[in-house]
Amino acid sequence: MTPSARPLDAAAAAIVVMLCLTWGFNQVAVKLTIHEIPPLIQAAIRSAGAALIVMLWIRVRGIVLTKRDGTLLPGLIAGLLFTLEFLLIYRGLLLTTASRAVLFIYLAPVFVALGARFLLPGERMGALQWTGLALSFLGLAIAFGVPSGDVSGQTMIGDLMMIAAAGAWASTTLVIKTSALARTSAEKTMLYQLVVSAPLLAIAALLFHEAMPQAPSTLAIVLLAFQTIWVVSVTFLIWFAMVVRYSASRLSAFTFLTPLFGVLAGHLVLDEPMTPAFAAAVALVAGGLILVNRPAR
């Protein structure tokens, strides 16, 4: 197994759990802000603000961005995929339900594992790891409900957009692992995605006629700052650094925790109900992650 394909150790697992916890609470932050700042405008502001923060961090660390290292093309592709992912998620949510969206978006770890089987030979998972992946996905299905087959055409279009978003998310991970981006700094990888996505998301917001009829409240501004400064600038940067360092398949499997943390955050912050199935879902996801991260023979 190559150094960049190793399973997560205890410290790395703890860091990823922290990231997923942050992203779960970020879902609540987006939900509380969305009525004052439309979603694509939120995403564009986040990318633009985070790009400035990452550039400042790069300057402080003295990282050289201008040298030719073969990252331009894969960096632009990663940026386009990053943009496409958020565009599909935000627009798809208008067509399908939140529970269906969560389930289909988190096909991404499955797509990463499938892609790794062909593109990253050192990361091929065995039967035990595939069983763990299936258990984790089953946990999500229990938590959010198995999608019914009796749906409208509009809902199905939304579902397909979520599946495509999952594909874009997985493809971003695979592009990073299989290109020169795996040999550059996480800051540069992140900056490619932010610089490409900020203007494209802003254009998309204009095309979909998003607007803010009045100035946002202090709470909305604080929550948007939380997303920009902590979620995108810090946690995304940590994530892309770990994508290079650890097995993409095993790392992606941990993201199954994010929607469960989102449910927990909704219960604690918004007083949303929590079903009895939630405990069973947590047990299945946790058990699945243990199997996924057991070394294959």
C-alpha atoms as a PDB file:
ATOM      1  CA  MET A   1       0.000   0.000   0.000  1.00  0.00           C
ATOM      2  CA  THR A   2       1.446   3.372  -1.011  1.00  0.00           C
ATOM      3  CA  PRO A   3       1.860   6.095   1.664  1.00  0.00           C
ATOM      4  CA  SER A   4      -1.034   8.079   0.145  1.00  0.00           C
ATOM      5  CA  ALA A   5      -3.349   5.040   0.269  1.00  0.00           C
ATOM      6  CA  ARG A   6      -3.031   4.074   3.905  1.00  0.00           C
ATOM      7  CA  PRO A   7      -6.033   3.726   6.246  1.00  0.00           C
ATOM      8  CA  LEU A   8      -6.695   6.472   8.767  1.00  0.00           C
ATOM      9  CA  ASP A   9      -4.961   6.264  12.116  1.00  0.00           C
ATOM     10  CA  ALA A  10      -6.690   7.350  15.338  1.00  0.00           C
ATOM     11  CA  ALA A  11      -5.550  10.985  15.071  1.00  0.00           C
ATOM     12  CA  ALA A  12      -6.653  11.273  11.447  1.00  0.00           C
ATOM     13  CA  ALA A  13     -10.016   9.660  12.224  1.00  0.00           C
ATOM     14  CA  ALA A  14     -10.566  12.165  15.049  1.00  0.00           C
ATOM     15  CA  ILE A  15      -9.782  15.061  12.714  1.00  0.00           C
ATOM     16  CA  VAL A  16     -12.211  13.797  10.052  1.00  0.00           C
ATOM     17  CA  VAL A  17     -14.949  13.343  12.652  1.00  0.00           C
ATOM     18  CA  MET A  18     -14.379  16.979  13.654  1.00  0.00           C
ATOM     19  CA  LEU A  19     -14.670  18.030  10.012  1.00  0.00           C
ATOM     20  CA  CYS A  20     -17.917  16.091   9.583  1.00  0.00           C
ATOM     21  CA  LEU A  21     -19.281  17.615  12.794  1.00  0.00           C
ATOM     22  CA  THR A  22     -18.492  21.076  11.436  1.00  0.00           C
ATOM     23  CA  TRP A  23     -20.124  20.308   8.094  1.00  0.00           C
ATOM     24  CA  GLY A  24     -23.205  18.944   9.856  1.00  0.00           C
ATOM     25  CA  PHE A  25     -23.643  22.204  11.770  1.00  0.00           C
ATOM     26  CA  ASN A  26     -22.895  24.081   8.538  1.00  0.00           C
ATOM     27  CA  GLN A  27     -26.128  22.653   7.111  1.00  0.00           C
ATOM     28  CA  VAL A  28     -27.987  24.472   9.887  1.00  0.00           C
ATOM     29  CA  ALA A  29     -26.030  27.674   9.189  1.00  0.00           C
ATOM     30  CA  VAL A  30     -27.027  27.544   5.507  1.00  0.00           C
ATOM     31  CA  LYS A  31     -30.650  26.817   6.420  1.00  0.00           C
ATOM     32  CA  LEU A  32     -30.829  29.762   8.846  1.00  0.00           C
ATOM     33  CA  THR A  33     -29.259  32.119   6.303  1.00  0.00           C
ATOM     34  CA  ILE A  34     -30.971  31.014   3.097  1.00  0.00           C
ATOM     35  CA  HIS A  35     -34.096  33.165   3.561  1.00  0.00           C
ATOM     36  CA  GLU A  36     -31.988  36.325   3.669  1.00  0.00           C
ATOM     37  CA  ILE A  37     -29.078  35.374   1.417  1.00  0.00           C
ATOM     38  CA  PRO A  38     -30.064  33.035  -1.477  1.00  0.00           C
ATOM     39  CA  PRO A  39     -28.005  29.835  -1.807  1.00  0.00           C
ATOM     40  CA  LEU A  40     -25.927  30.576  -4.908  1.00  0.00           C
ATOM     41  CA  ILE A  41     -25.141  34.072  -3.637  1.00  0.00           C
ATOM     42  CA  GLN A  42     -24.072  32.462  -0.352  1.00  0.00           C
ATOM     43  CA  ALA A  43     -21.831  30.028  -2.211  1.00  0.00           C
ATOM     44  CA  ALA A  44     -20.280  32.766  -4.377  1.00  0.00           C
ATOM     45  CA  ILE A  45     -19.545  34.978  -1.355  1.00  0.00           C
ATOM     46  CA  ARG A  46     -18.073  32.023   0.526  1.00  0.00           C
ATOM     47  CA  SER A  47     -15.733  31.138  -2.329  1.00  0.00           C
ATOM     48  CA  ALA A  48     -14.635  34.745  -2.918  1.00  0.00           C
ATOM     49  CA  GLY A  49     -14.059  35.453   0.777  1.00  0.00           C
ATOM     50  CA  ALA A  50     -12.281  32.150   1.372  1.00  0.00           C
ATOM     51  CA  ALA A  51     -10.044  32.770  -1.677  1.00  0.00           C
ATOM     52  CA  LEU A  52      -8.810  36.011  -0.094  1.00  0.00           C
ATOM     53  CA  ILE A  53      -8.172  34.261   3.241  1.00  0.00           C
ATOM     54  CA  VAL A  54      -6.289  31.362   1.626  1.00  0.00           C
ATOM     55  CA  MET A  55      -4.215  33.793  -0.470  1.00  0.00           C
ATOM     56  CA  LEU A  56      -3.281  35.674   2.708  1.00  0.00           C
ATOM     57  CA  TRP A  57      -2.306  32.384   4.362  1.00  0.00           C
ATOM     58  CA  ILE A  58      -0.225  31.436   1.305  1.00  0.00           C
ATOM     59  CA  ARG A  59       1.577  34.770   1.507  1.00  0.00           C
ATOM     60  CA  VAL A  60       2.301  34.284   5.216  1.00  0.00           C
ATOM     61  CA  ARG A  61       3.681  30.782   4.600  1.00  0.00           C
ATOM     62  CA  GLY A  62       5.683  31.910   1.568  1.00  0.00           C
ATOM     63  CA  ILE A  63       4.174  29.301  -0.772  1.00  0.00           C
ATOM     64  CA  VAL A  64       5.123  29.886  -4.430  1.00  0.00           C
ATOM     65  CA  LEU A  65       2.139  29.672  -6.792  1.00  0.00           C
ATOM     66  CA  THR A  66       3.700  30.697 -10.095  1.00  0.00           C
ATOM     67  CA  LYS A  67       6.137  27.841 -10.730  1.00  0.00           C
ATOM     68  CA  ARG A  68       5.229  25.349 -13.431  1.00  0.00           C
ATOM     69  CA  ASP A  69       4.266  22.136 -11.700  1.00  0.00           C
ATOM     70  CA  GLY A  70       1.657  20.652 -14.026  1.00  0.00           C
ATOM     71  CA  THR A  71      -1.262  21.588 -11.769  1.00  0.00           C
ATOM     72  CA  LEU A  72      -2.974  24.186 -13.974  1.00  0.00           C
ATOM     73  CA  LEU A  73      -5.178  21.852 -16.017  1.00  0.00           C
ATOM     74  CA  PRO A  74      -6.196  19.482 -13.183  1.00  0.00           C
ATOM     75  CA  GLY A  75      -6.658  22.541 -10.948  1.00  0.00           C
ATOM     76  CA  LEU A  76      -9.083  24.113 -13.403  1.00  0.00           C
ATOM     77  CA  ILE A  77     -10.929  20.793 -13.778  1.00  0.00           C
ATOM     78  CA  ALA A  78     -11.189  20.469  -9.983  1.00  0.00           C
ATOM     79  CA  GLY A  79     -12.514  24.036  -9.829  1.00  0.00           C
ATOM     80  CA  LEU A  80     -15.185  23.308 -12.446  1.00  0.00           C
ATOM     81  CA  LEU A  81     -16.234  20.128 -10.639  1.00  0.00           C
ATOM     82  CA  PHE A  82     -16.365  22.014  -7.319  1.00  0.00           C
ATOM     83  CA  THR A  83     -18.636  24.630  -8.941  1.00  0.00           C
ATOM     84  CA  LEU A  84     -20.826  22.012 -10.592  1.00  0.00           C
ATOM     85  CA  GLU A  85     -21.280  20.141  -7.318  1.00  0.00           C
ATOM     86  CA  PHE A  86     -22.697  23.127  -5.433  1.00  0.00           C
ATOM     87  CA  LEU A  87     -24.749  24.316  -8.399  1.00  0.00           C
ATOM     88  CA  LEU A  88     -26.432  20.922  -8.732  1.00  0.00           C
ATOM     89  CA  ILE A  89     -27.040  20.625  -4.980  1.00  0.00           C
ATOM     90  CA  TYR A  90     -28.606  24.053  -4.532  1.00  0.00           C
ATOM     91  CA  ARG A  91     -30.778  23.890  -7.640  1.00  0.00           C
ATOM     92  CA  GLY A  92     -31.662  20.222  -7.123  1.00  0.00           C
ATOM     93  CA  LEU A  93     -32.981  20.966  -3.628  1.00  0.00           C
ATOM     94  CA  LEU A  94     -35.718  23.021  -5.267  1.00  0.00           C
ATOM     95  CA  LEU A  95     -36.986  19.901  -7.066  1.00  0.00           C
ATOM     96  CA  THR A  96     -36.574  17.056  -4.578  1.00  0.00           C
ATOM     97  CA  THR A  97     -36.942  16.609  -0.834  1.00  0.00           C
ATOM     98  CA  ALA A  98     -34.113  17.184   1.629  1.00  0.00           C
ATOM     99  CA  SER A  99     -34.112  13.549   2.797  1.00  0.00           C
ATOM    100  CA  ARG A 100     -33.882  12.183  -0.742  1.00  0.00           C
ATOM    101  CA  ALA A 101     -31.160  14.725  -1.526  1.00  0.00           C
ATOM    102  CA  VAL A 102     -29.028  13.650   1.436  1.00  0.00           C
ATOM    103  CA  LEU A 103     -29.246   9.999   0.507  1.00  0.00           C
ATOM    104  CA  PHE A 104     -28.289  10.549  -3.129  1.00  0.00           C
ATOM    105  CA  ILE A 105     -25.507  13.077  -2.424  1.00  0.00           C
ATOM    106  CA  TYR A 106     -23.837  10.578  -0.122  1.00  0.00           C
ATOM    107  CA  LEU A 107     -23.411   8.128  -2.944  1.00  0.00           C
ATOM    108  CA  ALA A 108     -20.146  10.070  -3.356  1.00  0.00           C
ATOM    109  CA  PRO A 109     -18.061   7.719  -1.144  1.00  0.00           C
ATOM    110  CA  VAL A 110     -19.339   4.775  -3.193  1.00  0.00           C
ATOM    111  CA  PHE A 111     -18.339   6.555  -6.420  1.00  0.00           C
ATOM    112  CA  VAL A 112     -14.885   7.303  -4.969  1.00  0.00           C
ATOM    113  CA  ALA A 113     -14.409   3.629  -4.060  1.00  0.00           C
ATOM    114  CA  LEU A 114     -15.505   2.535  -7.532  1.00  0.00           C
ATOM    115  CA  GLY A 115     -13.217   5.064  -9.225  1.00  0.00           C
ATOM    116  CA  ALA A 116     -10.306   4.125  -6.981  1.00  0.00           C
ATOM    117  CA  ARG A 117     -10.669   0.489  -8.040  1.00  0.00           C
ATOM    118  CA  PHE A 118      -9.660   1.479 -11.584  1.00  0.00           C
ATOM    119  CA  LEU A 119      -7.595   4.648 -11.078  1.00  0.00           C
ATOM    120  CA  LEU A 120      -5.835   3.975  -7.762  1.00  0.00           C
ATOM    121  CA  PRO A 121      -4.723   0.320  -7.650  1.00  0.00           C
ATOM    122  CA  GLY A 122      -3.175   0.779  -4.198  1.00  0.00           C
ATOM    123  CA  GLU A 123      -6.611   1.672  -2.796  1.00  0.00           C
ATOM    124  CA  ARG A 124      -8.640  -1.293  -3.992  1.00  0.00           C
ATOM    125  CA  MET A 125     -10.907  -2.405  -1.171  1.00  0.00           C
ATOM    126  CA  GLY A 126     -11.607  -5.972  -0.196  1.00  0.00           C
ATOM    127  CA  ALA A 127     -14.938  -7.625   0.612  1.00  0.00           C
ATOM    128  CA  LEU A 128     -14.750  -6.466   4.232  1.00  0.00           C
ATOM    129  CA  GLN A 129     -14.322  -2.828   3.240  1.00  0.00           C
ATOM    130  CA  TRP A 130     -17.161  -2.981   0.693  1.00  0.00           C
ATOM    131  CA  THR A 131     -19.380  -4.501   3.389  1.00  0.00           C
ATOM    132  CA  GLY A 132     -18.523  -1.595   5.681  1.00  0.00           C
ATOM    133  CA  LEU A 133     -19.360   0.910   2.935  1.00  0.00           C
ATOM    134  CA  ALA A 134     -22.711  -0.798   2.358  1.00  0.00           C
ATOM    135  CA  LEU A 135     -23.488  -0.778   6.107  1.00  0.00           C
ATOM    136  CA  SER A 136     -22.746   2.952   6.359  1.00  0.00           C
ATOM    137  CA  PHE A 137     -24.995   3.724   3.391  1.00  0.00           C
ATOM    138  CA  LEU A 138     -27.702   1.513   4.886  1.00  0.00           C
ATOM    139  CA  GLY A 139     -27.425   3.568   8.063  1.00  0.00           C
ATOM    140  CA  LEU A 140     -28.192   6.721   6.077  1.00  0.00           C
ATOM    141  CA  ALA A 141     -31.115   5.017   4.363  1.00  0.00           C
ATOM    142  CA  ILE A 142     -32.566   4.147   7.773  1.00  0.00           C
ATOM    143  CA  ALA A 143     -31.982   7.662   9.129  1.00  0.00           C
ATOM    144  CA  PHE A 144     -33.515   9.497   6.182  1.00  0.00           C
ATOM    145  CA  GLY A 145     -35.837   6.879   4.721  1.00  0.00           C
ATOM    146  CA  VAL A 146     -35.510   4.761   1.592  1.00  0.00           C
ATOM    147  CA  PRO A 147     -36.759   6.815  -1.390  1.00  0.00           C
ATOM    148  CA  SER A 148     -40.185   5.792  -2.642  1.00  0.00           C
ATOM    149  CA  GLY A 149     -40.574   4.770  -6.259  1.00  0.00           C
ATOM    150  CA  ASP A 150     -43.858   6.677  -6.581  1.00  0.00           C
ATOM    151  CA  VAL A 151     -42.474  10.140  -7.357  1.00  0.00           C
ATOM    152  CA  SER A 152     -43.145  12.909  -9.846  1.00  0.00           C
ATOM    153  CA  GLY A 153     -40.975  13.611 -12.860  1.00  0.00           C
ATOM    154  CA  GLN A 154     -39.766  16.826 -11.224  1.00  0.00           C
ATOM    155  CA  THR A 155     -38.618  14.964  -8.128  1.00  0.00           C
ATOM    156  CA  MET A 156     -36.778  12.428 -10.267  1.00  0.00           C
ATOM    157  CA  ILE A 157     -34.939  15.255 -12.046  1.00  0.00           C
ATOM    158  CA  GLY A 158     -33.921  16.614  -8.640  1.00  0.00           C
ATOM    159  CA  ASP A 159     -32.736  13.146  -7.599  1.00  0.00           C
ATOM    160  CA  LEU A 160     -30.639  12.839 -10.761  1.00  0.00           C
ATOM    161  CA  MET A 161     -29.107  16.249 -10.061  1.00  0.00           C
ATOM    162  CA  MET A 162     -28.112  15.033  -6.582  1.00  0.00           C
ATOM    163  CA  ILE A 163     -26.561  11.874  -8.015  1.00  0.00           C
ATOM    164  CA  ALA A 164     -24.655  14.044 -10.502  1.00  0.00           C
ATOM    165  CA  ALA A 165     -23.512  16.272  -7.612  1.00  0.00           C
ATOM    166  CA  ALA A 166     -22.230  13.155  -5.830  1.00  0.00           C
ATOM    167  CA  GLY A 167     -20.372  12.234  -9.015  1.00  0.00           C
ATOM    168  CA  ALA A 168     -18.816  15.713  -9.205  1.00  0.00           C
ATOM    169  CA  TRP A 169     -17.726  15.502  -5.554  1.00  0.00           C
ATOM    170  CA  ALA A 170     -16.182  12.065  -6.082  1.00  0.00           C
ATOM    171  CA  SER A 171     -14.535  13.158  -9.329  1.00  0.00           C
ATOM    172  CA  THR A 172     -12.901  16.122  -7.574  1.00  0.00           C
ATOM    173  CA  THR A 173     -11.322  13.723  -5.064  1.00  0.00           C
ATOM    174  CA  LEU A 174     -10.111  11.377  -7.802  1.00  0.00           C
ATOM    175  CA  VAL A 175      -8.699  14.224  -9.925  1.00  0.00           C
ATOM    176  CA  ILE A 176      -6.666  15.406  -6.934  1.00  0.00           C
ATOM    177  CA  LYS A 177      -5.381  11.907  -6.139  1.00  0.00           C
ATOM    178  CA  THR A 178      -4.414  11.035  -9.730  1.00  0.00           C
ATOM    179  CA  SER A 179      -2.853  14.294 -10.937  1.00  0.00           C
ATOM    180  CA  ALA A 180      -0.048  16.716 -10.120  1.00  0.00           C
ATOM    181  CA  LEU A 181      -2.348  18.200  -7.452  1.00  0.00           C
ATOM    182  CA  ALA A 182      -1.315  15.261  -5.255  1.00  0.00           C
ATOM    183  CA  ARG A 183       2.227  16.682  -5.248  1.00  0.00           C
ATOM    184  CA  THR A 184       1.410  20.319  -4.535  1.00  0.00           C
ATOM    185  CA  SER A 185       0.243  22.133  -1.412  1.00  0.00           C
ATOM    186  CA  ALA A 186      -3.343  21.811  -0.188  1.00  0.00           C
ATOM    187  CA  GLU A 187      -3.515  25.625  -0.264  1.00  0.00           C
ATOM    188  CA  LYS A 188      -2.879  25.731  -3.998  1.00  0.00           C
ATOM    189  CA  THR A 189      -5.379  22.933  -4.639  1.00  0.00           C
ATOM    190  CA  MET A 190      -7.997  24.785  -2.598  1.00  0.00           C
ATOM    191  CA  LEU A 191      -7.258  28.105  -4.298  1.00  0.00           C
ATOM    192  CA  TYR A 192      -7.865  26.652  -7.762  1.00  0.00           C
ATOM    193  CA  GLN A 193     -11.351  25.623  -6.690  1.00  0.00           C
ATOM    194  CA  LEU A 194     -12.200  28.895  -4.977  1.00  0.00           C
ATOM    195  CA  VAL A 195     -10.938  31.163  -7.763  1.00  0.00           C
ATOM    196  CA  VAL A 196     -12.817  29.181 -10.423  1.00  0.00           C
ATOM    197  CA  SER A 197     -16.043  28.728  -8.446  1.00  0.00           C
ATOM    198  CA  ALA A 198     -16.519  32.294  -7.133  1.00  0.00           C
ATOM    199  CA  PRO A 199     -17.230  34.002 -10.494  1.00  0.00           C
ATOM    200  CA  LEU A 200     -19.082  31.016 -11.953  1.00  0.00           C
ATOM    201  CA  LEU A 201     -21.424  30.768  -8.946  1.00  0.00           C
ATOM    202  CA  ALA A 202     -21.999  34.532  -9.098  1.00  0.00           C
ATOM    203  CA  ILE A 203     -22.949  34.238 -12.781  1.00  0.00           C
ATOM    204  CA  ALA A 204     -25.248  31.314 -11.953  1.00  0.00           C
ATOM    205  CA  ALA A 205     -26.931  33.417  -9.243  1.00  0.00           C
ATOM    206  CA  LEU A 206     -27.631  36.103 -11.833  1.00  0.00           C
ATOM    207  CA  LEU A 207     -28.926  33.596 -14.384  1.00  0.00           C
ATOM    208  CA  PHE A 208     -31.331  32.116 -11.808  1.00  0.00           C
ATOM    209  CA  HIS A 209     -32.436  35.621 -10.754  1.00  0.00           C
ATOM    210  CA  GLU A 210     -31.324  35.351  -7.145  1.00  0.00           C
ATOM    211  CA  ALA A 211     -31.486  38.645  -5.272  1.00  0.00           C
ATOM    212  CA  MET A 212     -31.434  40.094  -1.766  1.00  0.00           C
ATOM    213  CA  PRO A 213     -34.367  42.534  -1.446  1.00  0.00           C
ATOM    214  CA  GLN A 214     -32.996  43.909   1.812  1.00  0.00           C
ATOM    215  CA  ALA A 215     -29.796  43.979   3.856  1.00  0.00           C
ATOM    216  CA  PRO A 216     -29.197  40.721   5.756  1.00  0.00           C
ATOM    217  CA  SER A 217     -29.503  40.609   9.526  1.00  0.00           C
ATOM    218  CA  THR A 218     -26.538  40.438  11.890  1.00  0.00           C
ATOM    219  CA  LEU A 219     -27.219  36.729  12.485  1.00  0.00           C
ATOM    220  CA  ALA A 220     -27.135  35.987   8.741  1.00  0.00           C
ATOM    221  CA  ILE A 221     -23.852  37.880   8.347  1.00  0.00           C
ATOM    222  CA  VAL A 222     -22.289  36.057  11.319  1.00  0.00           C
ATOM    223  CA  LEU A 223     -23.380  32.662   9.968  1.00  0.00           C
ATOM    224  CA  LEU A 224     -22.042  33.495   6.502  1.00  0.00           C
ATOM    225  CA  ALA A 225     -18.753  34.559   8.088  1.00  0.00           C
ATOM    226  CA  PHE A 226     -18.657  31.218   9.939  1.00  0.00           C
ATOM    227  CA  GLN A 227     -19.092  29.391   6.641  1.00  0.00           C
ATOM    228  CA  THR A 228     -16.471  31.489   4.867  1.00  0.00           C
ATOM    229  CA  ILE A 229     -13.768  31.685   7.536  1.00  0.00           C
ATOM    230  CA  TRP A 230     -14.042  28.350   9.309  1.00  0.00           C
ATOM    231  CA  VAL A 231     -15.899  25.928   7.060  1.00  0.00           C
ATOM    232  CA  VAL A 232     -14.398  26.756   3.659  1.00  0.00           C
ATOM    233  CA  SER A 233     -11.076  28.400   4.511  1.00  0.00           C
ATOM    234  CA  VAL A 234     -10.051  26.010   7.298  1.00  0.00           C
ATOM    235  CA  THR A 235     -11.945  22.716   7.203  1.00  0.00           C
ATOM    236  CA  PHE A 236     -11.928  22.362   3.406  1.00  0.00           C
ATOM    237  CA  LEU A 237      -8.179  23.060   3.440  1.00  0.00           C
ATOM    238  CA  ILE A 238      -7.644  20.339   6.042  1.00  0.00           C
ATOM    239  CA  TRP A 239      -9.817  17.961   4.004  1.00  0.00           C
ATOM    240  CA  PHE A 240      -7.824  18.399   0.787  1.00  0.00           C
ATOM    241  CA  ALA A 241      -4.562  17.954   2.685  1.00  0.00           C
ATOM    242  CA  MET A 242      -5.902  14.644   4.027  1.00  0.00           C
ATOM    243  CA  VAL A 243      -7.148  13.532   0.595  1.00  0.00           C
ATOM    244  CA  VAL A 244      -3.526  13.497  -0.565  1.00  0.00           C
ATOM    245  CA  ARG A 245      -2.176  11.875   2.601  1.00  0.00           C
ATOM    246  CA  TYR A 246      -4.686   9.054   3.184  1.00  0.00           C
ATOM    247  CA  SER A 247      -6.760   6.550   1.245  1.00  0.00           C
ATOM    248  CA  ALA A 248      -9.434   8.460  -0.687  1.00  0.00           C
ATOM    249  CA  SER A 249     -11.933   5.603  -0.363  1.00  0.00           C
ATOM    250  CA  ARG A 250     -11.563   5.253   3.388  1.00  0.00           C
ATOM    251  CA  LEU A 251     -11.486   9.004   3.935  1.00  0.00           C
ATOM    252  CA  SER A 252     -14.628   9.589   1.853  1.00  0.00           C
ATOM    253  CA  ALA A 253     -16.482   6.901   3.798  1.00  0.00           C
ATOM    254  CA  PHE A 254     -16.259   9.091   6.902  1.00  0.00           C
ATOM    255  CA  THR A 255     -18.447  11.713   5.235  1.00  0.00           C
ATOM    256  CA  PHE A 256     -21.417   9.436   5.956  1.00  0.00           C
ATOM    257  CA  LEU A 257     -21.230  11.017   9.420  1.00  0.00           C
ATOM    258  CA  THR A 258     -21.966  14.513   8.089  1.00  0.00           C
ATOM    259  CA  PRO A 259     -25.743  14.171   7.522  1.00  0.00           C
ATOM    260  CA  LEU A 260     -26.104  12.416  10.879  1.00  0.00           C
ATOM    261  CA  PHE A 261     -24.363  15.342  12.565  1.00  0.00           C
ATOM    262  CA  GLY A 262     -26.681  17.581  10.542  1.00  0.00           C
ATOM    263  CA  VAL A 263     -29.696  15.846  12.064  1.00  0.00           C
ATOM    264  CA  LEU A 264     -28.171  16.237  15.522  1.00  0.00           C
ATOM    265  CA  ALA A 265     -27.461  19.930  14.877  1.00  0.00           C
ATOM    266  CA  GLY A 266     -31.018  20.485  13.653  1.00  0.00           C
ATOM    267  CA  HIS A 267     -32.335  18.869  16.827  1.00  0.00           C
ATOM    268  CA  LEU A 268     -30.095  20.925  19.147  1.00  0.00           C
ATOM    269  CA  VAL A 269     -30.290  24.291  17.364  1.00  0.00           C
ATOM    270  CA  LEU A 270     -33.634  24.262  15.556  1.00  0.00           C
ATOM    271  CA  ASP A 271     -35.492  21.833  17.859  1.00  0.00           C
ATOM    272  CA  GLU A 272     -36.235  19.561  14.904  1.00  0.00           C
ATOM    273  CA  PRO A 273     -37.536  16.076  15.819  1.00  0.00           C
ATOM    274  CA  MET A 274     -35.150  13.115  16.026  1.00  0.00           C
ATOM    275  CA  THR A 275     -36.569   9.703  15.131  1.00  0.00           C
ATOM    276  CA  PRO A 276     -35.801   6.466  17.057  1.00  0.00           C
ATOM    277  CA  ALA A 277     -34.167   5.153  13.882  1.00  0.00           C
ATOM    278  CA  PHE A 278     -31.377   7.706  14.356  1.00  0.00           C
ATOM    279  CA  ALA A 279     -29.594   5.588  16.993  1.00  0.00           C
ATOM    280  CA  ALA A 280     -29.683   2.526  14.730  1.00  0.00           C
ATOM    281  CA  ALA A 281     -28.363   4.633  11.853  1.00  0.00           C
ATOM    282  CA  VAL A 282     -25.448   5.894  13.960  1.00  0.00           C
ATOM    283  CA  ALA A 283     -24.576   2.330  14.977  1.00  0.00           C
ATOM    284  CA  LEU A 284     -24.600   1.113  11.367  1.00  0.00           C
ATOM    285  CA  VAL A 285     -22.517   4.026  10.086  1.00  0.00           C
ATOM    286  CA  ALA A 286     -19.984   3.637  12.913  1.00  0.00           C
ATOM    287  CA  GLY A 287     -19.763  -0.126  12.393  1.00  0.00           C
ATOM    288  CA  GLY A 288     -19.367   0.364   8.668  1.00  0.00           C
ATOM    289  CA  LEU A 289     -16.536   2.857   9.152  1.00  0.00           C
ATOM    290  CA  ILE A 290     -14.691   0.403  11.397  1.00  0.00           C
ATOM    291  CA  LEU A 291     -14.881  -2.233   8.662  1.00  0.00           C
ATOM    292  CA  VAL A 292     -13.897   0.202   5.898  1.00  0.00           C
ATOM    293  CA  ASN A 293     -10.759   1.209   7.761  1.00  0.00           C
ATOM    294  CA  ARG A 294      -9.613  -2.298   8.605  1.00  0.00           C
ATOM    295  CA  PRO A 295      -6.592  -3.107   6.438  1.00  0.00           C
ATOM    296  CA  ALA A 296      -7.392  -5.395   3.523  1.00  0.00           C
ATOM    297  CA  ARG A 297      -5.471  -8.671   3.388  1.00  0.00           C
END
